[in-house]
């Protein structure tokens, strides 16, 4: 039971850090363009390499 006095605060601290990181990512605009990366892979604007 004494180990719970050690593990519960650590779990709360890690949960708070995860929440803070998520809120920071929302504030910095990480989730603004969700379709851009999905469509960017389909755009072929590079010339193919000549292996000959």
Protein backbone atom coordinates (compact mmCIF):
# COMPACT_ATOMS: atom_id res chain seq x y z
CA UNK A 1 0.00 0.00 0.00
CA UNK A 2 2.90 2.35 0.57
CA UNK A 3 3.84 2.07 -3.08
CA UNK A 4 0.51 3.71 -4.02
CA UNK A 5 1.61 6.85 -2.20
CA UNK A 6 4.50 6.95 -4.65
CA UNK A 7 2.77 5.84 -7.86
CA UNK A 8 -0.41 7.95 -7.73
CA UNK A 9 1.41 11.33 -7.71
CA UNK A 10 3.69 10.15 -10.51
CA UNK A 11 0.68 9.06 -12.58
CA UNK A 12 -1.03 12.41 -11.98
CA UNK A 13 2.15 14.27 -12.91
CA UNK A 14 2.56 12.32 -16.16
CA UNK A 15 -1.11 12.83 -17.00
CA UNK A 16 -0.74 16.56 -16.39
CA UNK A 17 2.34 16.69 -18.61
CA UNK A 18 0.48 14.87 -21.37
CA UNK A 19 -2.45 17.27 -21.08
CA UNK A 20 -0.12 20.27 -21.13
CA UNK A 21 1.63 18.94 -24.27
CA UNK A 22 -1.73 18.38 -25.97
CA UNK A 23 -2.96 21.86 -25.11
CA UNK A 24 0.33 23.35 -26.33
CA UNK A 25 -0.05 21.51 -29.65
CA UNK A 26 -3.60 22.85 -30.02
CA UNK A 27 -2.43 26.40 -29.26
CA UNK A 28 0.48 26.22 -31.70
CA UNK A 29 -1.75 25.10 -34.59
CA UNK A 30 -0.61 21.51 -35.04
CA UNK A 31 -4.15 20.41 -35.93
CA UNK A 32 -5.05 23.24 -38.32
CA UNK A 33 -4.42 21.48 -41.65
CA UNK A 34 -5.49 17.86 -41.27
CA UNK A 35 -6.02 17.24 -45.00
CA UNK A 36 -2.84 18.90 -46.25
CA UNK A 37 -0.47 16.06 -45.45
CA UNK A 38 -2.88 13.47 -46.84
CA UNK A 39 -3.16 15.31 -50.15
CA UNK A 40 0.49 16.37 -50.34
CA UNK A 41 1.65 12.80 -50.86
CA UNK A 42 -0.55 12.50 -53.95
CA UNK A 43 0.97 15.53 -55.68
CA UNK A 44 3.81 14.41 -57.95
CA UNK A 45 5.87 17.47 -58.75
CA UNK A 46 9.33 15.86 -58.93
CA UNK A 47 10.98 14.67 -62.12
CA UNK A 48 11.74 10.94 -62.13
CA UNK A 49 15.40 10.02 -61.86
CA UNK A 50 17.12 8.71 -64.98
CA UNK A 51 18.86 5.47 -64.05
CA UNK A 52 20.31 4.92 -67.48
